[in-house]
Amino acid sequence: MEPLVAAQIAVAAMQNMLFATAAGSLACAVMGTRSGMGTPATLRGWQAGLALALTLTALAYLWLQAAVMSGTPLAEAGSAVTAVLKESHYGVAWSVGFIGALLATLSRLLERRGLPLFAVGLLAWAAGKAAASHAADSGDFSAREAIHVVHLCATALWAGSVIVAAATLRWSAPKAQVAAEQRVAFCTELSHLATAALLIVLITGFYNVMQDTAQASGPLFGTAWGWILAAKLVCVASAVALGGWNRVVVLPALHAQAHQDGPALMAAQGRFNAWLSVEALVMLAVLAIAAVLGHTSPTGG
């Protein structure tokens, strides 16, 4: 693998994590309000930082892409950036995503009133990402590209809500002002969101795999793409198992102890938080592997 491509994969993995965490922060803000737990001020600060980081990594990736497309050294790729933006399909797709990242960043200047604009910015980012992926092989504004946008958003909500919630619960758990019932309500909201997002991820992901494998000329596991996909599916299955254990085994125990704010409740909450933290680490692995998969051709070419 060439160094520039490896750098692209590293930046793309970072972008996947930033996008998911930003979407998760939005979801956790809504769930925090609905459950009565509230939204930590730190979480609102995270949204601004995540959106800004997404904007900066988009600029870095554009520079790398210009170097790869023009065949010039990284230090001399500046002259190719304008050509990439004006003369390539990637330039149009990148511009849509970059505008989305900018909107998400600027929306944080409006405080809570900017949340809808923040969501619109993230959606535009996903649209730009899909337009620059394998899904664009069927053309712009195609059903395949639209389904991939849904897949990206559902994956971000699933992974991001788990990652952000794992941190949020650890911040709020020691605080006396966060009642047990509110924490349990938040965990229940999280479980419902993760389950709904997972179903969408599985349906759209199956569709995407069928479309990609249709291009392959050999056995699925006869290519690097197939093996990377297998690694991603193993991680997804692990995350599903961890989330399922929390939902089926630990969450009922939390509900049973919700009105008894004592050692038994804290033990159950601690188990929920621990499994959620492990699931969050697996989610980070899924997002990193997705970046590798996105830079690997399904045809093996």
C-alpha atoms as a PDB file:
ATOM      1  CA  MET A   1       0.000   0.000   0.000  1.00  0.00           C
ATOM      2  CA  GLU A   2       1.333   3.411  -0.977  1.00  0.00           C
ATOM      3  CA  PRO A   3       2.008   5.905   1.831  1.00  0.00           C
ATOM      4  CA  LEU A   4      -0.476   8.456   0.464  1.00  0.00           C
ATOM      5  CA  VAL A   5      -3.262   5.871   0.351  1.00  0.00           C
ATOM      6  CA  ALA A   6      -2.419   4.766   3.883  1.00  0.00           C
ATOM      7  CA  ALA A   7      -2.629   8.409   4.959  1.00  0.00           C
ATOM      8  CA  GLN A   8      -6.012   8.724   3.245  1.00  0.00           C
ATOM      9  CA  ILE A   9      -7.295   5.686   5.123  1.00  0.00           C
ATOM     10  CA  ALA A  10      -6.058   7.109   8.433  1.00  0.00           C
ATOM     11  CA  VAL A  11      -7.788  10.451   7.787  1.00  0.00           C
ATOM     12  CA  ALA A  12     -10.954   8.704   6.595  1.00  0.00           C
ATOM     13  CA  ALA A  13     -11.028   6.579   9.761  1.00  0.00           C
ATOM     14  CA  MET A  14     -10.702   9.742  11.822  1.00  0.00           C
ATOM     15  CA  GLN A  15     -13.541  11.317   9.843  1.00  0.00           C
ATOM     16  CA  ASN A  16     -15.755   8.274  10.423  1.00  0.00           C
ATOM     17  CA  MET A  17     -15.177   8.544  14.163  1.00  0.00           C
ATOM     18  CA  LEU A  18     -15.733  12.311  14.202  1.00  0.00           C
ATOM     19  CA  PHE A  19     -18.953  12.030  12.179  1.00  0.00           C
ATOM     20  CA  ALA A  20     -20.288   9.202  14.343  1.00  0.00           C
ATOM     21  CA  THR A  21     -19.411  10.979  17.577  1.00  0.00           C
ATOM     22  CA  ALA A  22     -21.022  14.195  16.332  1.00  0.00           C
ATOM     23  CA  ALA A  23     -24.205  12.298  15.408  1.00  0.00           C
ATOM     24  CA  GLY A  24     -24.054  10.503  18.748  1.00  0.00           C
ATOM     25  CA  SER A  25     -23.704  13.759  20.633  1.00  0.00           C
ATOM     26  CA  LEU A  26     -26.836  15.046  18.906  1.00  0.00           C
ATOM     27  CA  ALA A  27     -28.731  11.848  19.738  1.00  0.00           C
ATOM     28  CA  CYS A  28     -27.555  11.884  23.365  1.00  0.00           C
ATOM     29  CA  ALA A  29     -28.564  15.541  23.727  1.00  0.00           C
ATOM     30  CA  VAL A  30     -32.093  14.628  22.625  1.00  0.00           C
ATOM     31  CA  MET A  31     -32.191  11.521  24.821  1.00  0.00           C
ATOM     32  CA  GLY A  32     -30.841  13.466  27.777  1.00  0.00           C
ATOM     33  CA  THR A  33     -33.647  15.994  27.433  1.00  0.00           C
ATOM     34  CA  ARG A  34     -36.314  13.311  27.002  1.00  0.00           C
ATOM     35  CA  SER A  35     -35.110  11.330  30.017  1.00  0.00           C
ATOM     36  CA  GLY A  36     -34.755  14.386  32.251  1.00  0.00           C
ATOM     37  CA  MET A  37     -31.042  13.748  32.721  1.00  0.00           C
ATOM     38  CA  GLY A  38     -30.182  16.923  30.823  1.00  0.00           C
ATOM     39  CA  THR A  39     -27.336  17.679  28.445  1.00  0.00           C
ATOM     40  CA  PRO A  40     -23.879  18.231  29.978  1.00  0.00           C
ATOM     41  CA  ALA A  41     -22.303  21.531  28.958  1.00  0.00           C
ATOM     42  CA  THR A  42     -19.226  19.547  27.960  1.00  0.00           C
ATOM     43  CA  LEU A  43     -21.300  17.671  25.394  1.00  0.00           C
ATOM     44  CA  ARG A  44     -22.348  20.920  23.715  1.00  0.00           C
ATOM     45  CA  GLY A  45     -18.718  21.966  23.611  1.00  0.00           C
ATOM     46  CA  TRP A  46     -17.857  18.631  22.025  1.00  0.00           C
ATOM     47  CA  GLN A  47     -20.264  19.285  19.171  1.00  0.00           C
ATOM     48  CA  ALA A  48     -18.440  22.454  18.164  1.00  0.00           C
ATOM     49  CA  GLY A  49     -15.044  20.775  18.428  1.00  0.00           C
ATOM     50  CA  LEU A  50     -16.140  17.689  16.496  1.00  0.00           C
ATOM     51  CA  ALA A  51     -17.654  19.732  13.655  1.00  0.00           C
ATOM     52  CA  LEU A  52     -14.539  21.906  13.417  1.00  0.00           C
ATOM     53  CA  ALA A  53     -12.287  18.829  13.397  1.00  0.00           C
ATOM     54  CA  LEU A  54     -14.442  17.317  10.643  1.00  0.00           C
ATOM     55  CA  THR A  55     -13.975  20.491   8.592  1.00  0.00           C
ATOM     56  CA  LEU A  56     -10.204  20.453   9.037  1.00  0.00           C
ATOM     57  CA  THR A  57      -9.849  16.762   8.210  1.00  0.00           C
ATOM     58  CA  ALA A  58     -11.900  17.360   5.047  1.00  0.00           C
ATOM     59  CA  LEU A  59      -9.287  19.896   3.931  1.00  0.00           C
ATOM     60  CA  ALA A  60      -6.493  17.456   4.741  1.00  0.00           C
ATOM     61  CA  TYR A  61      -8.182  14.676   2.792  1.00  0.00           C
ATOM     62  CA  LEU A  62      -8.708  16.960  -0.218  1.00  0.00           C
ATOM     63  CA  TRP A  63      -4.990  17.704  -0.300  1.00  0.00           C
ATOM     64  CA  LEU A  64      -4.183  13.980  -0.143  1.00  0.00           C
ATOM     65  CA  GLN A  65      -6.714  13.220  -2.873  1.00  0.00           C
ATOM     66  CA  ALA A  66      -5.237  15.902  -5.094  1.00  0.00           C
ATOM     67  CA  ALA A  67      -1.789  14.359  -4.653  1.00  0.00           C
ATOM     68  CA  VAL A  68      -3.084  10.865  -5.476  1.00  0.00           C
ATOM     69  CA  MET A  69      -5.143  11.959  -8.498  1.00  0.00           C
ATOM     70  CA  SER A  70      -2.389  14.134  -9.982  1.00  0.00           C
ATOM     71  CA  GLY A  71       0.487  11.815  -9.141  1.00  0.00           C
ATOM     72  CA  THR A  72       2.452  14.673  -7.591  1.00  0.00           C
ATOM     73  CA  PRO A  73       4.354  14.663  -4.288  1.00  0.00           C
ATOM     74  CA  LEU A  74       2.292  15.693  -1.261  1.00  0.00           C
ATOM     75  CA  ALA A  75       4.203  18.942  -0.803  1.00  0.00           C
ATOM     76  CA  GLU A  76       3.439  19.980  -4.405  1.00  0.00           C
ATOM     77  CA  ALA A  77      -0.245  18.966  -4.506  1.00  0.00           C
ATOM     78  CA  GLY A  78      -1.547  22.487  -3.901  1.00  0.00           C
ATOM     79  CA  SER A  79      -1.586  23.279  -7.607  1.00  0.00           C
ATOM     80  CA  ALA A  80      -3.799  20.244  -8.273  1.00  0.00           C
ATOM     81  CA  VAL A  81      -6.444  21.076  -5.679  1.00  0.00           C
ATOM     82  CA  THR A  82      -8.251  23.597  -7.901  1.00  0.00           C
ATOM     83  CA  ALA A  83      -8.346  21.145 -10.799  1.00  0.00           C
ATOM     84  CA  VAL A  84      -9.742  18.384  -8.568  1.00  0.00           C
ATOM     85  CA  LEU A  85     -12.487  20.692  -7.292  1.00  0.00           C
ATOM     86  CA  LYS A  86     -13.474  22.053 -10.708  1.00  0.00           C
ATOM     87  CA  GLU A  87     -12.919  19.117 -13.043  1.00  0.00           C
ATOM     88  CA  SER A  88     -13.740  15.937 -11.113  1.00  0.00           C
ATOM     89  CA  HIS A  89     -16.831  14.276  -9.710  1.00  0.00           C
ATOM     90  CA  TYR A  90     -14.941  13.855  -6.460  1.00  0.00           C
ATOM     91  CA  GLY A  91     -14.579  17.639  -6.222  1.00  0.00           C
ATOM     92  CA  VAL A  92     -18.354  18.105  -6.347  1.00  0.00           C
ATOM     93  CA  ALA A  93     -18.938  15.371  -3.762  1.00  0.00           C
ATOM     94  CA  TRP A  94     -16.231  16.798  -1.514  1.00  0.00           C
ATOM     95  CA  SER A  95     -17.752  20.284  -1.745  1.00  0.00           C
ATOM     96  CA  VAL A  96     -21.152  19.001  -0.570  1.00  0.00           C
ATOM     97  CA  GLY A  97     -19.587  17.283   2.435  1.00  0.00           C
ATOM     98  CA  PHE A  98     -17.373  20.250   3.257  1.00  0.00           C
ATOM     99  CA  ILE A  99     -20.320  22.666   3.188  1.00  0.00           C
ATOM    100  CA  GLY A 100     -22.118  20.290   5.538  1.00  0.00           C
ATOM    101  CA  ALA A 101     -19.188  20.285   7.950  1.00  0.00           C
ATOM    102  CA  LEU A 102     -19.073  24.102   7.828  1.00  0.00           C
ATOM    103  CA  LEU A 103     -22.810  24.337   8.543  1.00  0.00           C
ATOM    104  CA  ALA A 104     -22.436  22.005  11.513  1.00  0.00           C
ATOM    105  CA  THR A 105     -19.546  24.120  12.825  1.00  0.00           C
ATOM    106  CA  LEU A 106     -21.356  27.442  12.410  1.00  0.00           C
ATOM    107  CA  SER A 107     -24.555  26.059  13.941  1.00  0.00           C
ATOM    108  CA  ARG A 108     -22.859  25.858  17.330  1.00  0.00           C
ATOM    109  CA  LEU A 109     -22.739  29.676  17.398  1.00  0.00           C
ATOM    110  CA  LEU A 110     -26.531  29.560  17.821  1.00  0.00           C
ATOM    111  CA  GLU A 111     -26.375  27.374  20.955  1.00  0.00           C
ATOM    112  CA  ARG A 112     -29.446  25.147  21.312  1.00  0.00           C
ATOM    113  CA  ARG A 113     -31.286  26.886  18.468  1.00  0.00           C
ATOM    114  CA  GLY A 114     -28.600  25.637  16.143  1.00  0.00           C
ATOM    115  CA  LEU A 115     -29.280  21.912  16.684  1.00  0.00           C
ATOM    116  CA  PRO A 116     -31.489  21.572  13.547  1.00  0.00           C
ATOM    117  CA  LEU A 117     -28.771  23.224  11.439  1.00  0.00           C
ATOM    118  CA  PHE A 118     -26.203  20.939  13.084  1.00  0.00           C
ATOM    119  CA  ALA A 119     -28.285  17.933  11.994  1.00  0.00           C
ATOM    120  CA  VAL A 120     -28.654  19.302   8.445  1.00  0.00           C
ATOM    121  CA  GLY A 121     -24.891  19.810   8.263  1.00  0.00           C
ATOM    122  CA  LEU A 122     -24.230  16.219   9.293  1.00  0.00           C
ATOM    123  CA  LEU A 123     -26.737  14.970   6.726  1.00  0.00           C
ATOM    124  CA  ALA A 124     -24.983  16.987   3.992  1.00  0.00           C
ATOM    125  CA  TRP A 125     -21.663  15.509   5.115  1.00  0.00           C
ATOM    126  CA  ALA A 126     -23.106  11.996   4.725  1.00  0.00           C
ATOM    127  CA  ALA A 127     -24.464  12.885   1.272  1.00  0.00           C
ATOM    128  CA  GLY A 128     -21.033  14.079   0.159  1.00  0.00           C
ATOM    129  CA  LYS A 129     -19.415  10.959   1.601  1.00  0.00           C
ATOM    130  CA  ALA A 130     -21.836   8.693  -0.256  1.00  0.00           C
ATOM    131  CA  ALA A 131     -21.324  10.594  -3.515  1.00  0.00           C
ATOM    132  CA  ALA A 132     -17.578   9.934  -3.271  1.00  0.00           C
ATOM    133  CA  SER A 133     -17.947   6.218  -2.477  1.00  0.00           C
ATOM    134  CA  HIS A 134     -18.543   3.016  -4.443  1.00  0.00           C
ATOM    135  CA  ALA A 135     -22.265   3.827  -4.243  1.00  0.00           C
ATOM    136  CA  ALA A 136     -21.750   6.624  -6.784  1.00  0.00           C
ATOM    137  CA  ASP A 137     -20.892   4.027  -9.446  1.00  0.00           C
ATOM    138  CA  SER A 138     -24.617   3.867 -10.215  1.00  0.00           C
ATOM    139  CA  GLY A 139     -24.743   7.627 -10.785  1.00  0.00           C
ATOM    140  CA  ASP A 140     -25.678  10.653  -8.728  1.00  0.00           C
ATOM    141  CA  PHE A 141     -29.080  10.797  -7.043  1.00  0.00           C
ATOM    142  CA  SER A 142     -29.495   7.053  -7.604  1.00  0.00           C
ATOM    143  CA  ALA A 143     -31.343   4.709  -5.250  1.00  0.00           C
ATOM    144  CA  ARG A 144     -28.047   3.063  -4.354  1.00  0.00           C
ATOM    145  CA  GLU A 145     -26.497   6.373  -3.336  1.00  0.00           C
ATOM    146  CA  ALA A 146     -29.570   7.352  -1.295  1.00  0.00           C
ATOM    147  CA  ILE A 147     -29.540   4.000   0.508  1.00  0.00           C
ATOM    148  CA  HIS A 148     -25.868   4.470   1.295  1.00  0.00           C
ATOM    149  CA  VAL A 149     -26.631   7.876   2.845  1.00  0.00           C
ATOM    150  CA  VAL A 150     -29.199   6.156   5.068  1.00  0.00           C
ATOM    151  CA  HIS A 151     -26.622   3.478   5.912  1.00  0.00           C
ATOM    152  CA  LEU A 152     -23.997   6.064   6.863  1.00  0.00           C
ATOM    153  CA  CYS A 153     -26.421   8.025   9.055  1.00  0.00           C
ATOM    154  CA  ALA A 154     -27.795   4.911  10.772  1.00  0.00           C
ATOM    155  CA  THR A 155     -24.273   3.605  11.418  1.00  0.00           C
ATOM    156  CA  ALA A 156     -23.246   6.976  12.847  1.00  0.00           C
ATOM    157  CA  LEU A 157     -26.283   7.093  15.146  1.00  0.00           C
ATOM    158  CA  TRP A 158     -25.717   3.517  16.325  1.00  0.00           C
ATOM    159  CA  ALA A 159     -21.960   3.764  16.874  1.00  0.00           C
ATOM    160  CA  GLY A 160     -21.939   7.408  17.947  1.00  0.00           C
ATOM    161  CA  SER A 161     -24.733   7.116  20.492  1.00  0.00           C
ATOM    162  CA  VAL A 162     -22.955   4.185  22.127  1.00  0.00           C
ATOM    163  CA  ILE A 163     -19.595   5.993  22.188  1.00  0.00           C
ATOM    164  CA  VAL A 164     -20.991   9.265  23.547  1.00  0.00           C
ATOM    165  CA  ALA A 165     -23.388   7.581  25.988  1.00  0.00           C
ATOM    166  CA  ALA A 166     -20.549   5.523  27.454  1.00  0.00           C
ATOM    167  CA  ALA A 167     -18.785   8.784  28.337  1.00  0.00           C
ATOM    168  CA  THR A 168     -21.964  10.629  29.350  1.00  0.00           C
ATOM    169  CA  LEU A 169     -23.052   7.959  31.828  1.00  0.00           C
ATOM    170  CA  ARG A 170     -19.637   7.961  33.464  1.00  0.00           C
ATOM    171  CA  TRP A 171     -19.792  11.756  33.868  1.00  0.00           C
ATOM    172  CA  SER A 172     -23.312  11.798  35.274  1.00  0.00           C
ATOM    173  CA  ALA A 173     -23.292   8.669  37.436  1.00  0.00           C
ATOM    174  CA  PRO A 174     -21.459  10.176  40.432  1.00  0.00           C
ATOM    175  CA  LYS A 175     -23.634  13.282  40.453  1.00  0.00           C
ATOM    176  CA  ALA A 176     -26.364  13.267  43.082  1.00  0.00           C
ATOM    177  CA  GLN A 177     -28.575  15.593  41.055  1.00  0.00           C
ATOM    178  CA  VAL A 178     -28.992  12.933  38.367  1.00  0.00           C
ATOM    179  CA  ALA A 179     -31.686  10.678  39.823  1.00  0.00           C
ATOM    180  CA  ALA A 180     -31.615   6.931  39.324  1.00  0.00           C
ATOM    181  CA  GLU A 181     -34.874   7.030  37.357  1.00  0.00           C
ATOM    182  CA  GLN A 182     -33.388   9.558  34.942  1.00  0.00           C
ATOM    183  CA  ARG A 183     -30.284   7.451  34.301  1.00  0.00           C
ATOM    184  CA  VAL A 184     -32.397   4.347  33.737  1.00  0.00           C
ATOM    185  CA  ALA A 185     -34.693   6.276  31.382  1.00  0.00           C
ATOM    186  CA  PHE A 186     -31.626   7.460  29.434  1.00  0.00           C
ATOM    187  CA  CYS A 187     -30.302   3.888  29.180  1.00  0.00           C
ATOM    188  CA  THR A 188     -33.700   2.726  27.931  1.00  0.00           C
ATOM    189  CA  GLU A 189     -33.824   5.479  25.293  1.00  0.00           C
ATOM    190  CA  LEU A 190     -30.309   4.503  24.217  1.00  0.00           C
ATOM    191  CA  SER A 191     -31.265   0.844  23.894  1.00  0.00           C
ATOM    192  CA  HIS A 192     -34.301   1.675  21.769  1.00  0.00           C
ATOM    193  CA  LEU A 193     -32.300   3.994  19.487  1.00  0.00           C
ATOM    194  CA  ALA A 194     -29.459   1.502  19.073  1.00  0.00           C
ATOM    195  CA  THR A 195     -31.890  -1.296  18.206  1.00  0.00           C
ATOM    196  CA  ALA A 196     -33.743   0.793  15.601  1.00  0.00           C
ATOM    197  CA  ALA A 197     -30.490   2.074  14.062  1.00  0.00           C
ATOM    198  CA  LEU A 198     -29.056  -1.449  13.998  1.00  0.00           C
ATOM    199  CA  LEU A 199     -32.020  -2.772  12.011  1.00  0.00           C
ATOM    200  CA  ILE A 200     -31.532  -0.034   9.417  1.00  0.00           C
ATOM    201  CA  VAL A 201     -27.772  -0.678   9.320  1.00  0.00           C
ATOM    202  CA  LEU A 202     -28.320  -4.402   8.683  1.00  0.00           C
ATOM    203  CA  ILE A 203     -30.893  -3.876   5.913  1.00  0.00           C
ATOM    204  CA  THR A 204     -28.969  -1.146   4.081  1.00  0.00           C
ATOM    205  CA  GLY A 205     -25.643  -2.882   4.703  1.00  0.00           C
ATOM    206  CA  PHE A 206     -26.946  -6.109   3.141  1.00  0.00           C
ATOM    207  CA  TYR A 207     -28.101  -4.124   0.118  1.00  0.00           C
ATOM    208  CA  ASN A 208     -24.700  -2.436  -0.208  1.00  0.00           C
ATOM    209  CA  VAL A 209     -22.828  -5.751   0.013  1.00  0.00           C
ATOM    210  CA  MET A 210     -25.058  -7.294  -2.670  1.00  0.00           C
ATOM    211  CA  GLN A 211     -24.374  -4.325  -4.958  1.00  0.00           C
ATOM    212  CA  ASP A 212     -20.629  -4.438  -4.344  1.00  0.00           C
ATOM    213  CA  THR A 213     -20.248  -8.200  -4.692  1.00  0.00           C
ATOM    214  CA  ALA A 214     -22.147  -8.080  -7.983  1.00  0.00           C
ATOM    215  CA  GLN A 215     -19.054  -6.348  -9.392  1.00  0.00           C
ATOM    216  CA  ALA A 216     -16.665  -9.037  -8.169  1.00  0.00           C
ATOM    217  CA  SER A 217     -15.361 -11.514 -10.707  1.00  0.00           C
ATOM    218  CA  GLY A 218     -14.343 -14.201  -8.213  1.00  0.00           C
ATOM    219  CA  PRO A 219     -15.191 -15.651  -4.792  1.00  0.00           C
ATOM    220  CA  LEU A 220     -15.981 -13.114  -2.071  1.00  0.00           C
ATOM    221  CA  PHE A 221     -13.109 -14.224   0.140  1.00  0.00           C
ATOM    222  CA  GLY A 222     -10.735 -14.406  -2.766  1.00  0.00           C
ATOM    223  CA  THR A 223     -10.120 -10.658  -2.533  1.00  0.00           C
ATOM    224  CA  ALA A 224      -8.731  -8.324   0.097  1.00  0.00           C
ATOM    225  CA  TRP A 225     -12.089  -6.533   0.088  1.00  0.00           C
ATOM    226  CA  GLY A 226     -13.855  -9.743   1.096  1.00  0.00           C
ATOM    227  CA  TRP A 227     -11.521 -10.393   4.025  1.00  0.00           C
ATOM    228  CA  ILE A 228     -11.790  -6.823   5.246  1.00  0.00           C
ATOM    229  CA  LEU A 229     -15.576  -7.100   5.030  1.00  0.00           C
ATOM    230  CA  ALA A 230     -15.404 -10.312   7.078  1.00  0.00           C
ATOM    231  CA  ALA A 231     -13.367  -8.532   9.773  1.00  0.00           C
ATOM    232  CA  LYS A 232     -15.921  -5.727   9.868  1.00  0.00           C
ATOM    233  CA  LEU A 233     -18.797  -8.205  10.177  1.00  0.00           C
ATOM    234  CA  VAL A 234     -17.075  -9.950  13.086  1.00  0.00           C
ATOM    235  CA  CYS A 235     -16.788  -6.622  14.888  1.00  0.00           C
ATOM    236  CA  VAL A 236     -20.410  -5.759  14.091  1.00  0.00           C
ATOM    237  CA  ALA A 237     -21.538  -9.133  15.437  1.00  0.00           C
ATOM    238  CA  SER A 238     -19.512  -8.529  18.610  1.00  0.00           C
ATOM    239  CA  ALA A 239     -21.126  -5.104  19.081  1.00  0.00           C
ATOM    240  CA  VAL A 240     -24.583  -6.626  18.552  1.00  0.00           C
ATOM    241  CA  ALA A 241     -23.849  -9.298  21.160  1.00  0.00           C
ATOM    242  CA  LEU A 242     -22.619  -6.733  23.696  1.00  0.00           C
ATOM    243  CA  GLY A 243     -25.579  -4.442  23.107  1.00  0.00           C
ATOM    244  CA  GLY A 244     -27.975  -7.379  23.208  1.00  0.00           C
ATOM    245  CA  TRP A 245     -26.590  -8.525  26.569  1.00  0.00           C
ATOM    246  CA  ASN A 246     -27.092  -5.054  28.010  1.00  0.00           C
ATOM    247  CA  ARG A 247     -30.631  -4.845  26.623  1.00  0.00           C
ATOM    248  CA  VAL A 248     -31.825  -8.345  27.573  1.00  0.00           C
ATOM    249  CA  VAL A 249     -29.948  -9.000  30.823  1.00  0.00           C
ATOM    250  CA  VAL A 250     -28.641  -5.807  32.426  1.00  0.00           C
ATOM    251  CA  LEU A 251     -31.347  -3.274  31.511  1.00  0.00           C
ATOM    252  CA  PRO A 252     -34.165  -5.259  33.209  1.00  0.00           C
ATOM    253  CA  ALA A 253     -32.055  -5.343  36.375  1.00  0.00           C
ATOM    254  CA  LEU A 254     -31.688  -1.568  36.153  1.00  0.00           C
ATOM    255  CA  HIS A 255     -35.450  -1.156  35.857  1.00  0.00           C
ATOM    256  CA  ALA A 256     -36.014  -3.456  38.816  1.00  0.00           C
ATOM    257  CA  GLN A 257     -33.706  -1.346  41.002  1.00  0.00           C
ATOM    258  CA  ALA A 258     -34.676   2.085  39.636  1.00  0.00           C
ATOM    259  CA  HIS A 259     -36.697   3.050  42.711  1.00  0.00           C
ATOM    260  CA  GLN A 260     -34.115   1.746  45.164  1.00  0.00           C
ATOM    261  CA  ASP A 261     -31.142   4.061  44.864  1.00  0.00           C
ATOM    262  CA  GLY A 262     -28.704   1.817  46.709  1.00  0.00           C
ATOM    263  CA  PRO A 263     -25.757  -0.560  46.193  1.00  0.00           C
ATOM    264  CA  ALA A 264     -27.776  -2.958  44.003  1.00  0.00           C
ATOM    265  CA  LEU A 265     -28.682  -0.166  41.591  1.00  0.00           C
ATOM    266  CA  MET A 266     -25.127   1.149  41.446  1.00  0.00           C
ATOM    267  CA  ALA A 267     -23.850  -2.367  40.755  1.00  0.00           C
ATOM    268  CA  ALA A 268     -26.339  -2.828  37.909  1.00  0.00           C
ATOM    269  CA  GLN A 269     -25.497   0.625  36.516  1.00  0.00           C
ATOM    270  CA  GLY A 270     -21.809  -0.201  36.745  1.00  0.00           C
ATOM    271  CA  ARG A 271     -22.338  -3.412  34.744  1.00  0.00           C
ATOM    272  CA  PHE A 272     -24.335  -1.532  32.102  1.00  0.00           C
ATOM    273  CA  ASN A 273     -21.638   1.141  31.823  1.00  0.00           C
ATOM    274  CA  ALA A 274     -18.848  -1.451  31.625  1.00  0.00           C
ATOM    275  CA  TRP A 275     -20.466  -3.435  28.804  1.00  0.00           C
ATOM    276  CA  LEU A 276     -21.334  -0.189  27.035  1.00  0.00           C
ATOM    277  CA  SER A 277     -17.704   0.955  27.222  1.00  0.00           C
ATOM    278  CA  VAL A 278     -16.508  -2.314  25.666  1.00  0.00           C
ATOM    279  CA  GLU A 279     -19.151  -1.947  22.957  1.00  0.00           C
ATOM    280  CA  ALA A 280     -17.918   1.602  22.302  1.00  0.00           C
ATOM    281  CA  LEU A 281     -14.373   0.300  21.719  1.00  0.00           C
ATOM    282  CA  VAL A 282     -15.701  -2.282  19.269  1.00  0.00           C
ATOM    283  CA  MET A 283     -17.620   0.484  17.496  1.00  0.00           C
ATOM    284  CA  LEU A 284     -14.395   2.425  17.019  1.00  0.00           C
ATOM    285  CA  ALA A 285     -12.885  -0.669  15.403  1.00  0.00           C
ATOM    286  CA  VAL A 286     -15.920  -0.952  13.081  1.00  0.00           C
ATOM    287  CA  LEU A 287     -15.499   2.673  11.982  1.00  0.00           C
ATOM    288  CA  ALA A 288     -11.766   2.209  11.374  1.00  0.00           C
ATOM    289  CA  ILE A 289     -12.286  -0.964   9.330  1.00  0.00           C
ATOM    290  CA  ALA A 290     -15.027   0.798   7.327  1.00  0.00           C
ATOM    291  CA  ALA A 291     -12.426   3.348   6.225  1.00  0.00           C
ATOM    292  CA  VAL A 292     -10.145   0.572   4.955  1.00  0.00           C
ATOM    293  CA  LEU A 293     -13.080  -1.081   3.205  1.00  0.00           C
ATOM    294  CA  GLY A 294     -14.027   2.187   1.499  1.00  0.00           C
ATOM    295  CA  HIS A 295     -10.528   2.462   0.025  1.00  0.00           C
ATOM    296  CA  THR A 296     -10.457  -1.110  -1.258  1.00  0.00           C
ATOM    297  CA  SER A 297     -11.989  -2.165  -4.575  1.00  0.00           C
ATOM    298  CA  PRO A 298     -14.649  -4.920  -4.419  1.00  0.00           C
ATOM    299  CA  THR A 299     -13.283  -6.234  -7.739  1.00  0.00           C
ATOM    300  CA  GLY A 300      -9.827  -6.746  -6.288  1.00  0.00           C
ATOM    301  CA  GLY A 301      -8.358  -4.311  -8.771  1.00  0.00           C
END
